[in-house]
Amino acid sequence: MITESDVARLLRESGLPLAEWDSSTELVLDSLTSVWLLHHLEEQYGIVVGPEDEDEVTASDSIGSLHLALRRVQAGALEGARHVP
């Protein structure tokens, strides 16, 4: 599962200035950063954010809320994989 530290590292790699952060650090993702983030989540963590979850993920307003949204996406993918015949 992805951690908050993983999320913060990805955001720093995207160019956001996050020298110091915690769960409540405010987050504003523009469209380019959102696309970059979604791509790297899939590349590095295998997290595929589908259209049904994209709004929640890209509208997250803090590192903590983004982390929780990504954990829900991961949990949903794991749950879906368990029910594949």
PDB file of N, CA and C in Angstrom:
ATOM      1  N   MET A   1       0.836  -1.193   0.000  1.00  0.00           N
ATOM      2  CA  MET A   1       0.000   0.000   0.000  1.00  0.00           C
ATOM      3  C   MET A   1       0.876   1.251   0.000  1.00  0.00           C
ATOM      4  N   ILE A   2       0.424   2.247  -0.686  1.00  0.00           N
ATOM      5  CA  ILE A   2       1.155   3.505  -0.764  1.00  0.00           C
ATOM      6  C   ILE A   2       1.082   4.231   0.584  1.00  0.00           C
ATOM      7  N   THR A   3       2.166   4.887   0.955  1.00  0.00           N
ATOM      8  CA  THR A   3       2.218   5.623   2.217  1.00  0.00           C
ATOM      9  C   THR A   3       2.133   7.125   1.959  1.00  0.00           C
ATOM     10  N   GLU A   4       1.889   7.887   3.014  1.00  0.00           N
ATOM     11  CA  GLU A   4       1.900   9.347   2.872  1.00  0.00           C
ATOM     12  C   GLU A   4       3.267   9.833   2.417  1.00  0.00           C
ATOM     13  N   SER A   5       4.322   9.204   2.891  1.00  0.00           N
ATOM     14  CA  SER A   5       5.677   9.582   2.461  1.00  0.00           C
ATOM     15  C   SER A   5       5.857   9.348   0.967  1.00  0.00           C
ATOM     16  N   ASP A   6       5.302   8.254   0.453  1.00  0.00           N
ATOM     17  CA  ASP A   6       5.355   7.986  -0.988  1.00  0.00           C
ATOM     18  C   ASP A   6       4.627   9.083  -1.761  1.00  0.00           C
ATOM     19  N   VAL A   7       3.460   9.466  -1.259  1.00  0.00           N
ATOM     20  CA  VAL A   7       2.667  10.516  -1.907  1.00  0.00           C
ATOM     21  C   VAL A   7       3.452  11.829  -1.919  1.00  0.00           C
ATOM     22  N   ALA A   8       4.036  12.194  -0.785  1.00  0.00           N
ATOM     23  CA  ALA A   8       4.809  13.436  -0.704  1.00  0.00           C
ATOM     24  C   ALA A   8       6.010  13.392  -1.643  1.00  0.00           C
ATOM     25  N   ARG A   9       6.684  12.252  -1.727  1.00  0.00           N
ATOM     26  CA  ARG A   9       7.833  12.121  -2.624  1.00  0.00           C
ATOM     27  C   ARG A   9       7.404  12.325  -4.074  1.00  0.00           C
ATOM     28  N   LEU A  10       6.304  11.700  -4.477  1.00  0.00           N
ATOM     29  CA  LEU A  10       5.806  11.884  -5.840  1.00  0.00           C
ATOM     30  C   LEU A  10       5.468  13.344  -6.112  1.00  0.00           C
ATOM     31  N   LEU A  11       4.842  13.992  -5.147  1.00  0.00           N
ATOM     32  CA  LEU A  11       4.477  15.398  -5.334  1.00  0.00           C
ATOM     33  C   LEU A  11       5.717  16.273  -5.457  1.00  0.00           C
ATOM     34  N   ARG A  12       6.750  15.981  -4.667  1.00  0.00           N
ATOM     35  CA  ARG A  12       8.013  16.727  -4.796  1.00  0.00           C
ATOM     36  C   ARG A  12       8.628  16.487  -6.171  1.00  0.00           C
ATOM     37  N   GLU A  13       8.604  15.238  -6.632  1.00  0.00           N
ATOM     38  CA  GLU A  13       9.143  14.912  -7.953  1.00  0.00           C
ATOM     39  C   GLU A  13       8.385  15.628  -9.068  1.00  0.00           C
ATOM     40  N   SER A  14       7.115  15.916  -8.830  1.00  0.00           N
ATOM     41  CA  SER A  14       6.314  16.611  -9.842  1.00  0.00           C
ATOM     42  C   SER A  14       6.656  18.097  -9.916  1.00  0.00           C
ATOM     43  N   GLY A  15       7.420  18.574  -8.920  1.00  0.00           N
ATOM     44  CA  GLY A  15       7.814  19.977  -8.917  1.00  0.00           C
ATOM     45  C   GLY A  15       7.156  20.803  -7.837  1.00  0.00           C
ATOM     46  N   LEU A  16       6.259  20.206  -7.055  1.00  0.00           N
ATOM     47  CA  LEU A  16       5.632  20.961  -5.965  1.00  0.00           C
ATOM     48  C   LEU A  16       6.643  21.167  -4.839  1.00  0.00           C
ATOM     49  N   PRO A  17       6.705  22.368  -4.283  1.00  0.00           N
ATOM     50  CA  PRO A  17       7.673  22.653  -3.216  1.00  0.00           C
ATOM     51  C   PRO A  17       7.184  22.130  -1.862  1.00  0.00           C
ATOM     52  N   LEU A  18       7.635  20.946  -1.492  1.00  0.00           N
ATOM     53  CA  LEU A  18       7.195  20.324  -0.242  1.00  0.00           C
ATOM     54  C   LEU A  18       8.402  19.967   0.620  1.00  0.00           C
ATOM     55  N   ALA A  19       9.143  20.959   1.064  1.00  0.00           N
ATOM     56  CA  ALA A  19      10.303  20.683   1.918  1.00  0.00           C
ATOM     57  C   ALA A  19       9.849  20.060   3.230  1.00  0.00           C
ATOM     58  N   GLU A  20       8.845  20.646   3.839  1.00  0.00           N
ATOM     59  CA  GLU A  20       8.265  20.109   5.071  1.00  0.00           C
ATOM     60  C   GLU A  20       6.779  19.889   4.829  1.00  0.00           C
ATOM     61  N   TRP A  21       6.253  18.794   5.372  1.00  0.00           N
ATOM     62  CA  TRP A  21       4.847  18.485   5.145  1.00  0.00           C
ATOM     63  C   TRP A  21       4.331  17.601   6.271  1.00  0.00           C
ATOM     64  N   ASP A  22       3.004  17.554   6.382  1.00  0.00           N
ATOM     65  CA  ASP A  22       2.315  16.585   7.222  1.00  0.00           C
ATOM     66  C   ASP A  22       0.984  16.277   6.547  1.00  0.00           C
ATOM     67  N   SER A  23       0.147  15.502   7.187  1.00  0.00           N
ATOM     68  CA  SER A  23      -1.125  15.087   6.581  1.00  0.00           C
ATOM     69  C   SER A  23      -2.010  16.252   6.179  1.00  0.00           C
ATOM     70  N   SER A  24      -1.912  17.352   6.921  1.00  0.00           N
ATOM     71  CA  SER A  24      -2.804  18.484   6.659  1.00  0.00           C
ATOM     72  C   SER A  24      -2.211  19.516   5.705  1.00  0.00           C
ATOM     73  N   THR A  25      -1.020  19.263   5.169  1.00  0.00           N
ATOM     74  CA  THR A  25      -0.416  20.216   4.237  1.00  0.00           C
ATOM     75  C   THR A  25      -1.349  20.434   3.055  1.00  0.00           C
ATOM     76  N   GLU A  26      -1.675  21.707   2.821  1.00  0.00           N
ATOM     77  CA  GLU A  26      -2.605  22.055   1.748  1.00  0.00           C
ATOM     78  C   GLU A  26      -2.033  21.664   0.392  1.00  0.00           C
ATOM     79  N   LEU A  27      -2.921  21.246  -0.481  1.00  0.00           N
ATOM     80  CA  LEU A  27      -2.528  20.747  -1.784  1.00  0.00           C
ATOM     81  C   LEU A  27      -3.439  21.338  -2.848  1.00  0.00           C
ATOM     82  N   VAL A  28      -2.841  21.863  -3.903  1.00  0.00           N
ATOM     83  CA  VAL A  28      -3.597  22.337  -5.055  1.00  0.00           C
ATOM     84  C   VAL A  28      -2.935  21.727  -6.286  1.00  0.00           C
ATOM     85  N   LEU A  29      -3.654  20.830  -6.949  1.00  0.00           N
ATOM     86  CA  LEU A  29      -3.112  20.158  -8.124  1.00  0.00           C
ATOM     87  C   LEU A  29      -3.689  20.780  -9.387  1.00  0.00           C
ATOM     88  N   ASP A  30      -2.805  21.292 -10.257  1.00  0.00           N
ATOM     89  CA  ASP A  30      -3.289  21.771 -11.551  1.00  0.00           C
ATOM     90  C   ASP A  30      -3.441  20.559 -12.478  1.00  0.00           C
ATOM     91  N   SER A  31      -3.984  20.774 -13.659  1.00  0.00           N
ATOM     92  CA  SER A  31      -4.288  19.644 -14.541  1.00  0.00           C
ATOM     93  C   SER A  31      -3.024  18.913 -14.995  1.00  0.00           C
ATOM     94  N   LEU A  32      -1.951  19.638 -15.263  1.00  0.00           N
ATOM     95  CA  LEU A  32      -0.713  18.999 -15.702  1.00  0.00           C
ATOM     96  C   LEU A  32      -0.121  18.131 -14.593  1.00  0.00           C
ATOM     97  N   THR A  33      -0.109  18.653 -13.371  1.00  0.00           N
ATOM     98  CA  THR A  33       0.398  17.880 -12.234  1.00  0.00           C
ATOM     99  C   THR A  33      -0.476  16.663 -11.987  1.00  0.00           C
ATOM    100  N   SER A  34      -1.781  16.815 -12.143  1.00  0.00           N
ATOM    101  CA  SER A  34      -2.698  15.680 -11.952  1.00  0.00           C
ATOM    102  C   SER A  34      -2.402  14.563 -12.946  1.00  0.00           C
ATOM    103  N   VAL A  35      -2.220  14.921 -14.214  1.00  0.00           N
ATOM    104  CA  VAL A  35      -1.921  13.916 -15.239  1.00  0.00           C
ATOM    105  C   VAL A  35      -0.581  13.248 -14.938  1.00  0.00           C
ATOM    106  N   TRP A  36       0.418  14.057 -14.571  1.00  0.00           N
ATOM    107  CA  TRP A  36       1.742  13.524 -14.221  1.00  0.00           C
ATOM    108  C   TRP A  36       1.613  12.541 -13.061  1.00  0.00           C
ATOM    109  N   LEU A  37       0.885  12.942 -12.028  1.00  0.00           N
ATOM    110  CA  LEU A  37       0.721  12.110 -10.841  1.00  0.00           C
ATOM    111  C   LEU A  37       0.024  10.795 -11.176  1.00  0.00           C
ATOM    112  N   LEU A  38      -1.059  10.852 -11.931  1.00  0.00           N
ATOM    113  CA  LEU A  38      -1.794   9.637 -12.284  1.00  0.00           C
ATOM    114  C   LEU A  38      -0.905   8.674 -13.070  1.00  0.00           C
ATOM    115  N   HIS A  39      -0.101   9.216 -13.973  1.00  0.00           N
ATOM    116  CA  HIS A  39       0.817   8.386 -14.758  1.00  0.00           C
ATOM    117  C   HIS A  39       1.844   7.700 -13.853  1.00  0.00           C
ATOM    118  N   HIS A  40       2.453   8.462 -12.956  1.00  0.00           N
ATOM    119  CA  HIS A  40       3.493   7.905 -12.092  1.00  0.00           C
ATOM    120  C   HIS A  40       2.928   6.965 -11.024  1.00  0.00           C
ATOM    121  N   LEU A  41       1.711   7.189 -10.602  1.00  0.00           N
ATOM    122  CA  LEU A  41       1.077   6.243  -9.675  1.00  0.00           C
ATOM    123  C   LEU A  41       0.952   4.867 -10.330  1.00  0.00           C
ATOM    124  N   GLU A  42       0.561   4.862 -11.594  1.00  0.00           N
ATOM    125  CA  GLU A  42       0.438   3.593 -12.306  1.00  0.00           C
ATOM    126  C   GLU A  42       1.813   2.979 -12.579  1.00  0.00           C
ATOM    127  N   GLU A  43       2.757   3.800 -13.044  1.00  0.00           N
ATOM    128  CA  GLU A  43       4.099   3.309 -13.369  1.00  0.00           C
ATOM    129  C   GLU A  43       4.835   2.753 -12.154  1.00  0.00           C
ATOM    130  N   GLN A  44       4.804   3.485 -11.050  1.00  0.00           N
ATOM    131  CA  GLN A  44       5.625   3.130  -9.896  1.00  0.00           C
ATOM    132  C   GLN A  44       4.921   2.239  -8.878  1.00  0.00           C
ATOM    133  N   TYR A  45       3.598   2.344  -8.796  1.00  0.00           N
ATOM    134  CA  TYR A  45       2.872   1.622  -7.749  1.00  0.00           C
ATOM    135  C   TYR A  45       1.778   0.701  -8.281  1.00  0.00           C
ATOM    136  N   GLY A  46       1.551   0.725  -9.590  1.00  0.00           N
ATOM    137  CA  GLY A  46       0.501  -0.108 -10.155  1.00  0.00           C
ATOM    138  C   GLY A  46      -0.897   0.351  -9.787  1.00  0.00           C
ATOM    139  N   ILE A  47      -1.016   1.601  -9.348  1.00  0.00           N
ATOM    140  CA  ILE A  47      -2.320   2.147  -8.963  1.00  0.00           C
ATOM    141  C   ILE A  47      -2.963   2.774 -10.195  1.00  0.00           C
ATOM    142  N   VAL A  48      -4.029   2.162 -10.665  1.00  0.00           N
ATOM    143  CA  VAL A  48      -4.755   2.685 -11.817  1.00  0.00           C
ATOM    144  C   VAL A  48      -5.984   3.413 -11.294  1.00  0.00           C
ATOM    145  N   VAL A  49      -5.996   4.723 -11.482  1.00  0.00           N
ATOM    146  CA  VAL A  49      -7.122   5.542 -11.032  1.00  0.00           C
ATOM    147  C   VAL A  49      -8.102   5.643 -12.195  1.00  0.00           C
ATOM    148  N   GLY A  50      -9.221   4.956 -12.063  1.00  0.00           N
ATOM    149  CA  GLY A  50     -10.225   4.958 -13.116  1.00  0.00           C
ATOM    150  C   GLY A  50     -11.046   6.234 -13.108  1.00  0.00           C
ATOM    151  N   PRO A  51     -11.839   6.421 -14.154  1.00  0.00           N
ATOM    152  CA  PRO A  51     -12.657   7.629 -14.262  1.00  0.00           C
ATOM    153  C   PRO A  51     -13.582   7.837 -13.063  1.00  0.00           C
ATOM    154  N   GLU A  52     -14.036   6.732 -12.465  1.00  0.00           N
ATOM    155  CA  GLU A  52     -14.957   6.842 -11.333  1.00  0.00           C
ATOM    156  C   GLU A  52     -14.275   7.379 -10.074  1.00  0.00           C
ATOM    157  N   ASP A  53     -12.947   7.296 -10.009  1.00  0.00           N
ATOM    158  CA  ASP A  53     -12.200   7.770  -8.837  1.00  0.00           C
ATOM    159  C   ASP A  53     -11.365   9.016  -9.113  1.00  0.00           C
ATOM    160  N   GLU A  54     -11.233   9.375 -10.375  1.00  0.00           N
ATOM    161  CA  GLU A  54     -10.321  10.453 -10.755  1.00  0.00           C
ATOM    162  C   GLU A  54     -10.668  11.787 -10.104  1.00  0.00           C
ATOM    163  N   ASP A  55     -11.944  12.135 -10.050  1.00  0.00           N
ATOM    164  CA  ASP A  55     -12.336  13.415  -9.448  1.00  0.00           C
ATOM    165  C   ASP A  55     -11.939  13.490  -7.981  1.00  0.00           C
ATOM    166  N   GLU A  56     -12.182  12.414  -7.238  1.00  0.00           N
ATOM    167  CA  GLU A  56     -11.832  12.412  -5.814  1.00  0.00           C
ATOM    168  C   GLU A  56     -10.323  12.560  -5.623  1.00  0.00           C
ATOM    169  N   VAL A  57      -9.552  11.848  -6.432  1.00  0.00           N
ATOM    170  CA  VAL A  57      -8.094  11.892  -6.296  1.00  0.00           C
ATOM    171  C   VAL A  57      -7.562  13.271  -6.663  1.00  0.00           C
ATOM    172  N   THR A  58      -7.961  13.799  -7.813  1.00  0.00           N
ATOM    173  CA  THR A  58      -7.392  15.065  -8.277  1.00  0.00           C
ATOM    174  C   THR A  58      -7.945  16.274  -7.529  1.00  0.00           C
ATOM    175  N   ALA A  59      -9.081  16.121  -6.841  1.00  0.00           N
ATOM    176  CA  ALA A  59      -9.645  17.236  -6.068  1.00  0.00           C
ATOM    177  C   ALA A  59      -9.183  17.225  -4.615  1.00  0.00           C
ATOM    178  N   SER A  60      -8.341  16.281  -4.245  1.00  0.00           N
ATOM    179  CA  SER A  60      -7.853  16.207  -2.864  1.00  0.00           C
ATOM    180  C   SER A  60      -7.180  17.518  -2.489  1.00  0.00           C
ATOM    181  N   ASP A  61      -7.485  17.996  -1.270  1.00  0.00           N
ATOM    182  CA  ASP A  61      -6.982  19.314  -0.871  1.00  0.00           C
ATOM    183  C   ASP A  61      -5.868  19.258   0.171  1.00  0.00           C
ATOM    184  N   SER A  62      -5.414  18.044   0.489  1.00  0.00           N
ATOM    185  CA  SER A  62      -4.287  17.899   1.415  1.00  0.00           C
ATOM    186  C   SER A  62      -3.572  16.589   1.098  1.00  0.00           C
ATOM    187  N   ILE A  63      -2.358  16.465   1.588  1.00  0.00           N
ATOM    188  CA  ILE A  63      -1.625  15.220   1.379  1.00  0.00           C
ATOM    189  C   ILE A  63      -2.385  14.061   2.019  1.00  0.00           C
ATOM    190  N   GLY A  64      -2.938  14.286   3.191  1.00  0.00           N
ATOM    191  CA  GLY A  64      -3.692  13.235   3.869  1.00  0.00           C
ATOM    192  C   GLY A  64      -4.913  12.794   3.087  1.00  0.00           C
ATOM    193  N   SER A  65      -5.666  13.739   2.535  1.00  0.00           N
ATOM    194  CA  SER A  65      -6.870  13.358   1.782  1.00  0.00           C
ATOM    195  C   SER A  65      -6.499  12.667   0.472  1.00  0.00           C
ATOM    196  N   LEU A  66      -5.402  13.077  -0.155  1.00  0.00           N
ATOM    197  CA  LEU A  66      -4.930  12.396  -1.362  1.00  0.00           C
ATOM    198  C   LEU A  66      -4.503  10.969  -1.018  1.00  0.00           C
ATOM    199  N   HIS A  67      -3.784  10.812   0.069  1.00  0.00           N
ATOM    200  CA  HIS A  67      -3.354   9.484   0.502  1.00  0.00           C
ATOM    201  C   HIS A  67      -4.562   8.583   0.763  1.00  0.00           C
ATOM    202  N   LEU A  68      -5.566   9.091   1.467  1.00  0.00           N
ATOM    203  CA  LEU A  68      -6.766   8.288   1.740  1.00  0.00           C
ATOM    204  C   LEU A  68      -7.502   7.908   0.457  1.00  0.00           C
ATOM    205  N   ALA A  69      -7.597   8.849  -0.481  1.00  0.00           N
ATOM    206  CA  ALA A  69      -8.256   8.555  -1.755  1.00  0.00           C
ATOM    207  C   ALA A  69      -7.509   7.449  -2.495  1.00  0.00           C
ATOM    208  N   LEU A  70      -6.184   7.520  -2.483  1.00  0.00           N
ATOM    209  CA  LEU A  70      -5.391   6.496  -3.160  1.00  0.00           C
ATOM    210  C   LEU A  70      -5.500   5.146  -2.460  1.00  0.00           C
ATOM    211  N   ARG A  71      -5.578   5.147  -1.150  1.00  0.00           N
ATOM    212  CA  ARG A  71      -5.759   3.889  -0.409  1.00  0.00           C
ATOM    213  C   ARG A  71      -7.112   3.265  -0.756  1.00  0.00           C
ATOM    214  N   ARG A  72      -8.152   4.106  -0.914  1.00  0.00           N
ATOM    215  CA  ARG A  72      -9.471   3.584  -1.309  1.00  0.00           C
ATOM    216  C   ARG A  72      -9.408   2.969  -2.710  1.00  0.00           C
ATOM    217  N   VAL A  73      -8.692   3.647  -3.620  1.00  0.00           N
ATOM    218  CA  VAL A  73      -8.541   3.106  -4.976  1.00  0.00           C
ATOM    219  C   VAL A  73      -7.829   1.758  -4.914  1.00  0.00           C
ATOM    220  N   GLN A  74      -6.744   1.686  -4.138  1.00  0.00           N
ATOM    221  CA  GLN A  74      -6.013   0.424  -3.998  1.00  0.00           C
ATOM    222  C   GLN A  74      -6.892  -0.664  -3.389  1.00  0.00           C
ATOM    223  N   ALA A  75      -7.629  -0.329  -2.348  1.00  0.00           N
ATOM    224  CA  ALA A  75      -8.493  -1.310  -1.689  1.00  0.00           C
ATOM    225  C   ALA A  75      -9.568  -1.804  -2.650  1.00  0.00           C
ATOM    226  N   GLY A  76     -10.129  -0.903  -3.442  1.00  0.00           N
ATOM    227  CA  GLY A  76     -11.138  -1.289  -4.423  1.00  0.00           C
ATOM    228  C   GLY A  76     -10.572  -2.210  -5.484  1.00  0.00           C
ATOM    229  N   ALA A  77      -9.342  -1.948  -5.912  1.00  0.00           N
ATOM    230  CA  ALA A  77      -8.698  -2.801  -6.910  1.00  0.00           C
ATOM    231  C   ALA A  77      -8.431  -4.184  -6.334  1.00  0.00           C
ATOM    232  N   LEU A  78      -7.989  -4.226  -5.091  1.00  0.00           N
ATOM    233  CA  LEU A  78      -7.734  -5.516  -4.449  1.00  0.00           C
ATOM    234  C   LEU A  78      -9.030  -6.292  -4.265  1.00  0.00           C
ATOM    235  N   GLU A  79     -10.077  -5.602  -3.846  1.00  0.00           N
ATOM    236  CA  GLU A  79     -11.374  -6.249  -3.647  1.00  0.00           C
ATOM    237  C   GLU A  79     -11.909  -6.769  -4.975  1.00  0.00           C
ATOM    238  N   GLY A  80     -11.777  -5.961  -6.031  1.00  0.00           N
ATOM    239  CA  GLY A  80     -12.228  -6.384  -7.359  1.00  0.00           C
ATOM    240  C   GLY A  80     -11.460  -7.593  -7.861  1.00  0.00           C
ATOM    241  N   ALA A  81     -10.170  -7.644  -7.568  1.00  0.00           N
ATOM    242  CA  ALA A  81      -9.348  -8.774  -8.002  1.00  0.00           C
ATOM    243  C   ALA A  81      -9.769 -10.062  -7.302  1.00  0.00           C
ATOM    244  N   ARG A  82     -10.251  -9.953  -6.096  1.00  0.00           N
ATOM    245  CA  ARG A  82     -10.690 -11.146  -5.359  1.00  0.00           C
ATOM    246  C   ARG A  82     -11.968 -11.735  -5.943  1.00  0.00           C
ATOM    247  N   HIS A  83     -12.760 -10.906  -6.632  1.00  0.00           N
ATOM    248  CA  HIS A  83     -14.046 -11.368  -7.154  1.00  0.00           C
ATOM    249  C   HIS A  83     -14.006 -11.724  -8.635  1.00  0.00           C
ATOM    250  N   VAL A  84     -12.827 -11.730  -9.226  1.00  0.00           N
ATOM    251  CA  VAL A  84     -12.722 -12.114 -10.636  1.00  0.00           C
ATOM    252  C   VAL A  84     -12.852 -13.630 -10.722  1.00  0.00           C
ATOM    253  N   PRO A  85     -13.778 -14.114 -11.564  1.00  0.00           N
ATOM    254  CA  PRO A  85     -13.992 -15.577 -11.649  1.00  0.00           C
ATOM    255  C   PRO A  85     -12.809 -16.292 -12.271  1.00  0.00           C
TER     256      PRO A  85
END
